[in-house]
Amino acid sequence: MRYRIIISFFAVTLFALIITTGGPGCANIIPPEGGFRDTLGPVLLKANPRDSTLNFQGNKITLTFDEFVQLDNFMQNVLVSPIPRSVPNANYKLNTVTIRLRDSLEANTTYSIDFGNAIKDVNEGNIMKGFRYVFSTGPSIDSLSFGGNVLLAESGKADSTLIVILHKSSQDSAILKEKPRYMAKLNGKGGFLFSNLPADTFYVYAMKDDSRTYRYDAKKLFAFADSPIVAQNNTPQKTLYAYVTAKATETTSATSSGTTGQRNAADKRLKFQTTTTASKQDLLKKFSFTFERPLRQFDSSKVRFATDTVFTPIRNYSWSLDSTKKKLALNYTWSENTLYHLILEKEFATDTLGQQMLRPDTITFITMKNSDYGKLAIRFRNLDMAKNPVLQFVQSETVTASFPLNAVTFSQELFPPGEYDLRILQDANKNGVWDPGEFFGRHRQPELVTPVQRKISVKPNWENEFEIAL
């Protein structure tokens, strides 16, 4: 009996070993699995002085969190209001963040520090979102707020890279010379919010200001409110419309190659591009040359315009050179699916560097067919004709065509096929194009553009009809 028990014990032990090692061969060692991945941001355990402290004194704030933390891009993420002359110093160690204020604090003033996305945990990089520390040097905390949104006047869309600032001065020159009192960032939808404001009057602006100079720049996006806001309970929201006053000008400079600084023969030729694509000319557009440099001279007698395979001369056409003297357009009414030729003598054009073509050339192209286009008809509902609407067709954020509307319907027999976004321009001066605002002196707002919340697809050789509610 005893032997039977011993044999049974060894049998059970052997069976257990086989099960745990997976049979003959090496054991399959499985590392222990970890717990759930940490997805939560740090939690504030203690602040010294505590948040919302009254009669604040000193210049040091210590924040203690429930885990090890780090500060990410403090200068760009953190906003201090009112805006200080000197940015506070900040450092972190283990689970604490220490802020040292470098300015003397104003009496009876509410201050706030918005940390944005600056505070993260060390291990996972989880962000502590929406953390705001507030204190007052007086006996109470200011509790008024003001918000709104900023849109790009030319497109009706939001740009979250802008900032909104509040000035106390009513002088236009303040945006050139003075630092604002408060600043707020925009969210992804273009919204902004100022909190803990005192009962006061503010002048509201928005601008593109990556370097935090808080100064107006005519070459960057800028917006202004028509009237000041008075911070009070239930302060009405404001919508600001941003625009660029001065468009960047294109500059072209001559380049040289080689150690002697001499341009080779290819560099000395007249350089230009044409509007044809794969030797095809759009029926709805003019043929044009775009030159690399402005023209000093254009001699139309050295250009011949002809058609068909035997080069039959064409007489009823003309040329026009734009104000930059870089774009030369051919004025002519095209026939569909027709062969055309432009025979150029090498002296037909001379740019400001005296460069001409190296040899005569012929540009040959065929116009597109009517069937390459679609017929387009759009009927609008709720279109405000009193605002001089202009219908804009947009592809890849570029306005490819625009048409002033004299009725709630739009139609065109030939329209380029493709996918289009639509916008409606409120053309205040009836010139057919969008105009920016003018702040200094006139305080004229930019013309507004409203995106249409529906795309259209124009198919070739098809009657494309749409009804759109605005």
Protein backbone atom coordinates (compact mmCIF):
# COMPACT_ATOMS: atom_id res chain seq x y z
CA MET A 1 0.00 0.00 0.00
CA ARG A 2 2.82 2.34 0.88
CA TYR A 3 4.57 1.71 -2.45
CA ARG A 4 1.33 2.41 -4.26
CA ILE A 5 1.02 5.82 -2.56
CA ILE A 6 4.63 6.71 -3.41
CA ILE A 7 4.13 5.73 -7.05
CA SER A 8 0.92 7.79 -7.24
CA PHE A 9 2.72 10.82 -5.77
CA PHE A 10 5.48 10.62 -8.37
CA ALA A 11 2.91 10.17 -11.14
CA VAL A 12 1.03 13.31 -10.10
CA THR A 13 4.28 15.30 -9.81
CA LEU A 14 5.45 14.17 -13.25
CA PHE A 15 2.08 15.06 -14.76
CA ALA A 16 2.23 18.55 -13.21
CA LEU A 17 5.72 19.09 -14.62
CA ILE A 18 4.57 18.10 -18.10
CA ILE A 19 1.62 20.48 -17.94
CA THR A 20 3.68 23.46 -16.68
CA THR A 21 6.58 22.98 -19.13
CA GLY A 22 4.44 22.26 -22.18
CA GLY A 23 5.87 18.77 -22.67
CA PRO A 24 9.36 17.91 -23.86
CA GLY A 25 11.69 20.79 -24.78
CA CYS A 26 12.35 24.22 -23.27
CA ALA A 27 9.82 25.90 -21.04
CA ASN A 28 7.80 28.77 -22.55
CA ILE A 29 8.44 31.56 -20.06
CA ILE A 30 5.73 34.27 -20.12
CA PRO A 31 6.57 37.59 -18.46
CA PRO A 32 4.03 38.91 -16.01
CA GLU A 33 1.49 41.26 -17.56
CA GLY A 34 1.34 44.88 -16.37
CA GLY A 35 -1.74 46.80 -15.30
CA PHE A 36 -3.80 49.29 -17.27
CA ARG A 37 -1.87 52.07 -19.04
CA ASP A 38 -2.00 55.39 -17.21
CA THR A 39 -4.02 57.87 -19.29
CA LEU A 40 -4.80 60.45 -16.60
CA GLY A 41 -2.97 63.72 -16.17
CA PRO A 42 -1.40 64.81 -12.89
CA VAL A 43 -3.69 65.84 -10.02
CA LEU A 44 -2.94 68.84 -7.82
CA LEU A 45 -2.63 67.78 -4.16
CA LYS A 46 -1.62 71.07 -2.61
CA ALA A 47 -0.82 74.67 -3.52
CA ASN A 48 1.16 77.03 -1.33
CA PRO A 49 -0.30 79.63 -1.10
CA ARG A 50 -3.60 77.90 -1.78
CA ASP A 51 -5.56 78.56 -4.97
CA SER A 52 -7.83 81.67 -4.82
CA THR A 53 -5.78 83.21 -2.01
CA LEU A 54 -6.80 86.74 -1.00
CA ASN A 55 -4.42 89.51 0.07
CA PHE A 56 -1.58 87.59 -1.61
CA GLN A 57 1.93 88.61 -0.65
CA GLY A 58 5.34 87.33 -1.66
CA ASN A 59 6.53 86.10 -5.03
CA LYS A 60 6.67 82.31 -4.80
CA ILE A 61 4.02 79.66 -5.61
CA THR A 62 4.62 75.95 -5.00
CA LEU A 63 2.35 73.31 -6.57
CA THR A 64 2.47 69.69 -5.40
CA PHE A 65 1.03 66.87 -7.54
CA ASP A 66 0.18 63.19 -7.05
CA GLU A 67 3.02 62.02 -9.34
CA PHE A 68 6.33 63.14 -10.83
CA VAL A 69 5.79 65.98 -13.32
CA GLN A 70 7.61 68.05 -15.90
CA LEU A 71 7.05 71.43 -17.56
CA ASP A 72 6.78 71.49 -21.35
CA ASN A 73 7.48 74.74 -23.24
CA PHE A 74 6.58 76.99 -20.33
CA MET A 75 7.08 80.26 -22.24
CA GLN A 76 4.59 79.35 -24.99
CA ASN A 77 2.03 77.42 -22.94
CA VAL A 78 1.61 79.53 -19.80
CA LEU A 79 -0.37 82.78 -19.75
CA VAL A 80 -0.17 85.20 -16.83
CA SER A 81 -2.88 87.85 -16.49
CA PRO A 82 -2.59 90.77 -16.25
CA ILE A 83 0.38 90.48 -18.61
CA PRO A 84 3.58 91.05 -16.58
CA ARG A 85 6.56 93.08 -17.71
CA SER A 86 8.81 90.09 -17.01
CA VAL A 87 7.83 86.47 -17.53
CA PRO A 88 7.90 84.49 -14.23
CA ASN A 89 10.59 81.87 -13.63
CA ALA A 90 9.44 78.26 -13.36
CA ASN A 91 11.13 74.99 -12.46
CA TYR A 92 10.07 71.49 -11.51
CA LYS A 93 11.50 68.72 -9.35
CA LEU A 94 9.96 65.33 -8.62
CA ASN A 95 6.27 66.07 -7.98
CA THR A 96 6.49 69.84 -7.46
CA VAL A 97 6.39 72.91 -9.70
CA THR A 98 7.68 76.24 -8.38
CA ILE A 99 6.74 79.61 -9.89
CA ARG A 100 8.66 82.76 -8.94
CA LEU A 101 7.10 86.09 -9.88
CA ARG A 102 9.61 88.68 -11.06
CA ASP A 103 7.37 91.78 -11.12
CA SER A 104 6.03 93.80 -8.23
CA LEU A 105 2.36 92.98 -7.83
CA GLU A 106 -0.31 95.67 -8.19
CA ALA A 107 -2.59 96.38 -5.26
CA ASN A 108 -6.19 95.10 -5.28
CA THR A 109 -5.65 93.12 -8.48
CA THR A 110 -6.71 89.62 -9.43
CA TYR A 111 -4.00 87.56 -11.12
CA SER A 112 -4.35 84.26 -12.94
CA ILE A 113 -1.84 81.74 -14.29
CA ASP A 114 -3.18 79.52 -17.08
CA PHE A 115 -0.86 76.55 -17.54
CA GLY A 116 -2.34 75.35 -20.85
CA ASN A 117 -0.58 72.10 -21.80
CA ALA A 118 2.58 72.85 -19.82
CA ILE A 119 2.23 70.34 -16.96
CA LYS A 120 2.73 66.65 -17.88
CA ASP A 121 3.49 63.51 -15.94
CA VAL A 122 6.99 62.14 -16.39
CA ASN A 123 6.24 58.53 -17.34
CA GLU A 124 3.39 58.76 -19.84
CA GLY A 125 3.42 62.42 -20.82
CA ASN A 126 -0.25 62.83 -19.85
CA ILE A 127 -1.24 66.50 -19.80
CA MET A 128 -2.95 68.25 -16.93
CA LYS A 129 -5.50 70.18 -19.00
CA GLY A 130 -7.32 73.35 -18.01
CA PHE A 131 -5.35 74.02 -14.85
CA ARG A 132 -5.63 77.63 -13.70
CA TYR A 133 -4.22 79.16 -10.53
CA VAL A 134 -5.82 82.41 -9.28
CA PHE A 135 -4.96 84.80 -6.50
CA SER A 136 -5.71 88.39 -5.52
CA THR A 137 -3.63 91.07 -3.84
CA GLY A 138 -6.88 92.54 -2.51
CA PRO A 139 -9.80 91.34 -0.40
CA SER A 140 -11.77 89.77 -3.31
CA ILE A 141 -11.41 87.86 -6.57
CA ASP A 142 -12.61 89.58 -9.77
CA SER A 143 -15.19 87.29 -11.36
CA LEU A 144 -16.32 88.95 -14.61
CA SER A 145 -15.72 87.31 -17.97
CA PHE A 146 -15.89 88.09 -21.66
CA GLY A 147 -15.70 85.79 -24.69
CA GLY A 148 -16.34 85.49 -28.38
CA ASN A 149 -14.68 84.14 -31.49
CA VAL A 150 -12.37 85.17 -34.31
CA LEU A 151 -12.88 84.25 -37.96
CA LEU A 152 -10.80 84.92 -41.06
CA ALA A 153 -12.73 87.54 -43.00
CA GLU A 154 -11.51 86.28 -46.40
CA SER A 155 -12.66 82.68 -45.90
CA GLY A 156 -15.02 82.62 -42.91
CA LYS A 157 -12.88 79.94 -41.25
CA ALA A 158 -11.11 79.87 -37.88
CA ASP A 159 -7.36 80.09 -37.27
CA SER A 160 -6.44 78.85 -33.81
CA THR A 161 -2.91 80.33 -34.01
CA LEU A 162 -4.16 83.88 -33.37
CA ILE A 163 -4.35 85.54 -29.97
CA VAL A 164 -6.86 88.05 -28.58
CA ILE A 165 -5.69 91.02 -26.51
CA LEU A 166 -7.41 93.63 -24.35
CA HIS A 167 -6.09 97.19 -24.14
CA LYS A 168 -7.30 99.83 -21.71
CA SER A 169 -6.20 102.74 -23.92
CA SER A 170 -8.63 104.04 -26.56
CA GLN A 171 -5.80 105.36 -28.73
CA ASP A 172 -5.16 103.54 -32.02
CA SER A 173 -1.44 103.88 -31.39
CA ALA A 174 -1.70 101.60 -28.36
CA ILE A 175 -1.40 98.50 -30.57
CA LEU A 176 1.90 99.88 -31.88
CA LYS A 177 3.47 101.18 -28.66
CA GLU A 178 1.94 99.58 -25.58
CA LYS A 179 1.71 96.12 -24.06
CA PRO A 180 -1.92 94.97 -23.63
CA ARG A 181 -3.50 94.34 -20.26
CA TYR A 182 -4.81 90.80 -20.97
CA MET A 183 -4.27 88.10 -23.57
CA ALA A 184 -6.15 84.90 -24.46
CA LYS A 185 -5.55 82.08 -26.94
CA LEU A 186 -8.09 80.71 -29.40
CA ASN A 187 -9.41 77.18 -29.29
CA GLY A 188 -9.71 74.98 -32.37
CA LYS A 189 -13.01 76.62 -33.38
CA GLY A 190 -11.72 80.17 -33.02
CA GLY A 191 -13.31 80.79 -29.62
CA PHE A 192 -11.75 82.73 -26.76
CA LEU A 193 -12.59 83.51 -23.13
CA PHE A 194 -11.26 86.03 -20.61
CA SER A 195 -12.00 85.21 -16.97
CA ASN A 196 -11.47 87.02 -13.67
CA LEU A 197 -11.80 90.45 -15.26
CA PRO A 198 -12.45 93.58 -13.22
CA ALA A 199 -15.37 95.91 -13.98
CA ASP A 200 -13.62 98.04 -16.59
CA THR A 201 -13.67 99.11 -20.24
CA PHE A 202 -11.44 97.29 -22.74
CA TYR A 203 -10.55 97.64 -26.43
CA VAL A 204 -10.43 94.27 -28.16
CA TYR A 205 -8.00 93.10 -30.88
CA ALA A 206 -6.82 89.83 -32.38
CA MET A 207 -3.54 89.23 -34.14
CA LYS A 208 -0.98 86.73 -35.32
CA ASP A 209 1.88 87.06 -32.85
CA ASP A 210 4.14 84.01 -32.62
CA SER A 211 6.93 85.93 -30.89
CA ARG A 212 4.68 87.52 -28.21
CA THR A 213 5.57 91.12 -29.04
CA TYR A 214 1.86 92.10 -28.81
CA ARG A 215 2.45 94.69 -31.56
CA TYR A 216 0.49 95.36 -34.75
CA ASP A 217 2.08 94.17 -37.99
CA ALA A 218 0.39 95.09 -41.30
CA LYS A 219 1.80 91.93 -42.90
CA LYS A 220 0.12 89.62 -40.36
CA LEU A 221 -3.47 88.76 -39.53
CA PHE A 222 -5.21 91.42 -37.45
CA ALA A 223 -8.75 92.10 -36.22
CA PHE A 224 -10.47 94.75 -34.13
CA ALA A 225 -13.82 95.17 -32.43
CA ASP A 226 -16.02 98.03 -33.63
CA SER A 227 -16.56 99.28 -30.10
CA PRO A 228 -15.06 98.76 -26.65
CA ILE A 229 -16.50 96.20 -24.26
CA VAL A 230 -17.50 96.94 -20.70
CA ALA A 231 -16.86 93.93 -18.49
CA GLN A 232 -20.00 93.22 -16.49
CA ASN A 233 -22.34 90.36 -15.69
CA ASN A 234 -23.41 88.67 -18.96
CA THR A 235 -21.04 90.69 -21.15
CA PRO A 236 -22.20 90.15 -24.78
CA GLN A 237 -19.91 88.06 -26.94
CA LYS A 238 -17.98 89.57 -29.84
CA THR A 239 -17.01 88.17 -33.23
CA LEU A 240 -13.85 89.63 -34.73
CA TYR A 241 -12.89 89.27 -38.39
CA ALA A 242 -9.17 88.99 -39.13
CA TYR A 243 -7.48 90.20 -42.30
CA VAL A 244 -4.03 91.10 -43.62
CA THR A 245 -3.60 94.72 -44.64
CA ALA A 246 -0.38 94.43 -46.63
CA LYS A 247 0.03 91.46 -48.93
CA ALA A 248 3.57 90.09 -49.21
CA THR A 249 5.18 91.28 -52.41
CA GLU A 250 6.94 88.84 -54.69
CA THR A 251 10.61 89.55 -55.24
CA THR A 252 12.77 88.01 -57.91
CA SER A 253 16.51 88.35 -57.91
CA ALA A 254 19.02 87.39 -60.54
CA THR A 255 21.25 84.47 -59.61
CA SER A 256 24.72 83.66 -60.85
CA SER A 257 26.62 80.40 -61.11
CA GLY A 258 30.31 79.53 -61.27
CA THR A 259 33.25 81.08 -59.51
CA THR A 260 33.54 83.92 -62.02
CA GLY A 261 29.96 85.10 -61.35
CA GLN A 262 29.12 84.89 -65.06
CA ARG A 263 25.71 83.49 -66.04
CA ASN A 264 25.82 80.74 -68.62
CA ALA A 265 23.82 80.91 -71.84
CA ALA A 266 20.76 79.19 -70.36
CA ASP A 267 20.61 81.77 -67.53
CA LYS A 268 20.65 84.64 -70.02
CA ARG A 269 17.53 83.57 -71.89
CA LEU A 270 14.09 85.12 -71.43
CA LYS A 271 12.16 82.88 -69.04
CA PHE A 272 8.40 82.49 -68.96
CA GLN A 273 5.52 80.08 -68.40
CA THR A 274 2.21 79.78 -70.29
CA THR A 275 -1.32 78.87 -69.22
CA THR A 276 -1.61 75.78 -71.39
CA THR A 277 -1.59 72.36 -69.74
CA ALA A 278 -0.36 69.40 -71.82
CA SER A 279 -0.80 71.61 -74.91
CA LYS A 280 -4.47 72.13 -74.04
CA GLN A 281 -6.06 75.58 -73.68
CA ASP A 282 -9.03 76.21 -71.39
CA LEU A 283 -11.96 77.71 -73.35
CA LEU A 284 -12.88 79.87 -70.36
CA LYS A 285 -9.46 81.46 -69.86
CA LYS A 286 -7.11 83.67 -71.79
CA PHE A 287 -3.80 82.35 -73.05
CA SER A 288 -1.07 84.24 -71.22
CA PHE A 289 2.67 84.40 -70.64
CA THR A 290 4.00 84.88 -67.10
CA PHE A 291 7.58 86.15 -67.22
CA GLU A 292 10.16 85.62 -64.50
CA ARG A 293 11.08 89.32 -64.59
CA PRO A 294 9.12 92.40 -65.71
CA LEU A 295 9.27 93.26 -69.41
CA ARG A 296 11.16 96.28 -70.66
CA GLN A 297 9.70 95.91 -74.14
CA PHE A 298 7.05 93.88 -75.98
CA ASP A 299 6.88 94.01 -79.80
CA SER A 300 3.56 92.56 -81.01
CA SER A 301 4.75 92.74 -84.62
CA LYS A 302 7.17 89.93 -83.84
CA VAL A 303 4.35 87.54 -82.84
CA ARG A 304 2.09 85.80 -85.36
CA PHE A 305 -1.16 84.12 -84.32
CA ALA A 306 -2.45 81.38 -86.62
CA THR A 307 -4.80 78.40 -86.75
CA ASP A 308 -5.21 74.95 -88.36
CA THR A 309 -2.50 72.82 -89.91
CA VAL A 310 -1.67 75.31 -92.67
CA PHE A 311 -1.12 78.19 -90.22
CA THR A 312 -3.97 80.42 -91.41
CA PRO A 313 -3.36 83.91 -89.92
CA ILE A 314 -5.82 85.27 -87.34
CA ARG A 315 -6.52 89.00 -87.31
CA ASN A 316 -9.13 89.82 -84.63
CA TYR A 317 -7.09 89.58 -81.44
CA SER A 318 -5.09 91.86 -79.13
CA TRP A 319 -2.54 91.77 -76.30
CA SER A 320 -2.65 93.25 -72.80
CA LEU A 321 0.22 93.62 -70.30
CA ASP A 322 -0.66 93.89 -66.61
CA SER A 323 0.62 96.57 -64.21
CA THR A 324 3.54 94.41 -63.01
CA LYS A 325 4.64 93.97 -66.64
CA LYS A 326 5.12 90.28 -65.91
CA LYS A 327 1.86 88.89 -67.31
CA LEU A 328 1.04 89.22 -71.03
CA ALA A 329 -2.45 88.04 -72.05
CA LEU A 330 -3.91 87.23 -75.47
CA ASN A 331 -7.44 88.60 -75.92
CA TYR A 332 -9.37 86.28 -78.23
CA THR A 333 -12.64 84.29 -78.30
CA TRP A 334 -11.78 80.61 -78.62
CA SER A 335 -13.43 78.00 -80.82
CA GLU A 336 -13.68 74.55 -79.29
CA ASN A 337 -11.37 71.69 -80.29
CA THR A 338 -9.30 73.95 -82.57
CA LEU A 339 -5.58 73.98 -83.33
CA TYR A 340 -3.74 77.29 -82.73
CA HIS A 341 -0.14 78.48 -83.12
CA LEU A 342 1.86 81.38 -81.73
CA ILE A 343 5.00 81.99 -83.79
CA LEU A 344 7.51 83.97 -81.74
CA GLU A 345 10.55 85.77 -83.05
CA LYS A 346 13.34 85.77 -80.51
CA GLU A 347 13.10 89.57 -80.07
CA PHE A 348 9.35 89.57 -79.35
CA ALA A 349 9.97 90.43 -75.67
CA THR A 350 12.87 91.84 -73.62
CA ASP A 351 12.95 91.79 -69.84
CA THR A 352 14.49 94.36 -67.51
CA LEU A 353 17.86 92.58 -67.64
CA GLY A 354 17.87 92.83 -71.42
CA GLN A 355 17.28 89.10 -71.87
CA GLN A 356 15.49 87.68 -74.92
CA MET A 357 14.82 84.19 -76.25
CA LEU A 358 17.86 82.43 -77.61
CA ARG A 359 16.08 81.45 -80.84
CA PRO A 360 12.65 81.72 -82.51
CA ASP A 361 9.97 79.39 -81.18
CA THR A 362 6.44 78.21 -81.93
CA ILE A 363 3.86 77.41 -79.26
CA THR A 364 1.15 75.05 -80.49
CA PHE A 365 -1.97 74.06 -78.57
CA ILE A 366 -5.52 72.77 -79.01
CA THR A 367 -8.56 74.21 -77.26
CA MET A 368 -10.73 71.94 -75.16
CA LYS A 369 -14.11 70.59 -76.27
CA ASN A 370 -17.47 71.82 -75.01
CA SER A 371 -18.10 68.28 -73.78
CA ASP A 372 -15.08 68.62 -71.47
CA TYR A 373 -17.18 71.01 -69.36
CA GLY A 374 -20.40 70.65 -67.40
CA LYS A 375 -23.50 72.79 -67.45
CA LEU A 376 -24.04 74.29 -64.00
CA ALA A 377 -27.19 75.70 -62.40
CA ILE A 378 -27.52 76.67 -58.70
CA ARG A 379 -30.58 78.05 -56.91
CA PHE A 380 -30.04 79.64 -53.49
CA ARG A 381 -32.56 79.91 -50.70
CA ASN A 382 -32.29 82.69 -48.09
CA LEU A 383 -29.72 84.65 -50.13
CA ASP A 384 -29.55 88.29 -48.97
CA MET A 385 -29.35 90.30 -52.19
CA ALA A 386 -28.99 93.57 -50.24
CA LYS A 387 -25.41 92.56 -49.33
CA ASN A 388 -24.22 92.46 -52.97
CA PRO A 389 -23.38 88.74 -52.89
CA VAL A 390 -20.53 87.32 -54.94
CA LEU A 391 -20.41 83.56 -55.44
CA GLN A 392 -16.91 82.12 -55.03
CA PHE A 393 -15.80 78.67 -56.18
CA VAL A 394 -12.94 77.29 -54.08
CA GLN A 395 -10.52 74.41 -54.63
CA SER A 396 -7.67 73.65 -52.20
CA GLU A 397 -8.42 76.90 -50.30
CA THR A 398 -7.94 78.94 -53.50
CA VAL A 399 -10.73 80.93 -55.16
CA THR A 400 -10.69 79.64 -58.74
CA ALA A 401 -13.70 81.64 -59.99
CA SER A 402 -16.11 84.27 -58.67
CA PHE A 403 -19.36 85.72 -60.02
CA PRO A 404 -21.42 88.67 -58.73
CA LEU A 405 -25.02 87.50 -58.25
CA ASN A 406 -27.90 89.60 -59.55
CA ALA A 407 -30.51 86.98 -58.68
CA VAL A 408 -30.95 83.98 -56.41
CA THR A 409 -29.94 81.72 -59.30
CA PHE A 410 -26.61 81.15 -61.02
CA SER A 411 -26.09 79.33 -64.31
CA GLN A 412 -23.30 78.80 -66.79
CA GLU A 413 -23.30 76.69 -69.92
CA LEU A 414 -19.64 75.74 -69.65
CA PHE A 415 -18.07 75.17 -66.24
CA PRO A 416 -14.83 73.31 -65.41
CA PRO A 417 -15.58 69.92 -63.84
CA GLY A 418 -14.38 69.12 -60.34
CA GLU A 419 -15.14 69.27 -56.62
CA TYR A 420 -15.83 72.76 -55.27
CA ASP A 421 -16.37 74.46 -51.93
CA LEU A 422 -18.61 77.52 -52.16
CA ARG A 423 -18.41 80.86 -50.37
CA ILE A 424 -20.56 83.98 -50.45
CA LEU A 425 -18.70 87.33 -50.38
CA GLN A 426 -20.58 90.36 -49.06
CA ASP A 427 -19.19 92.84 -51.58
CA ALA A 428 -19.77 96.19 -49.87
CA ASN A 429 -18.08 98.32 -52.55
CA LYS A 430 -19.38 96.22 -55.50
CA ASN A 431 -15.95 95.73 -57.07
CA GLY A 432 -16.32 91.95 -57.34
CA VAL A 433 -13.36 91.07 -55.11
CA TRP A 434 -12.71 90.75 -51.38
CA ASP A 435 -11.26 93.86 -49.71
CA PRO A 436 -9.40 93.93 -46.36
CA GLY A 437 -10.21 96.30 -43.53
CA GLU A 438 -8.57 99.57 -42.58
CA PHE A 439 -8.02 100.20 -38.88
CA PHE A 440 -6.06 103.40 -38.34
CA GLY A 441 -8.26 106.45 -38.63
CA ARG A 442 -11.19 104.92 -40.54
CA HIS A 443 -11.89 101.78 -38.50
CA ARG A 444 -13.39 100.11 -41.55
CA GLN A 445 -14.05 96.40 -41.14
CA PRO A 446 -13.03 93.94 -43.89
CA GLU A 447 -15.61 92.56 -46.27
CA LEU A 448 -17.01 89.30 -44.98
CA VAL A 449 -17.06 85.89 -46.61
CA THR A 450 -19.39 83.12 -45.46
CA PRO A 451 -18.62 79.48 -46.30
CA VAL A 452 -21.51 77.51 -47.79
CA GLN A 453 -21.95 74.31 -45.81
CA ARG A 454 -22.20 72.12 -48.88
CA LYS A 455 -19.76 70.99 -51.53
CA ILE A 456 -20.73 70.52 -55.15
CA SER A 457 -19.34 68.16 -57.77
CA VAL A 458 -19.50 69.33 -61.39
CA LYS A 459 -19.41 66.46 -63.88
CA PRO A 460 -18.31 66.96 -67.51
CA ASN A 461 -20.88 66.69 -70.30
CA TRP A 462 -23.66 66.77 -67.70
CA GLU A 463 -26.43 69.11 -66.52
CA ASN A 464 -25.39 69.76 -62.91
CA GLU A 465 -28.23 71.28 -60.91
CA PHE A 466 -28.21 72.17 -57.20
CA GLU A 467 -30.48 73.87 -54.68
CA ILE A 468 -28.66 75.26 -51.67
CA ALA A 469 -30.13 76.71 -48.47
CA LEU A 470 -28.02 79.39 -46.75
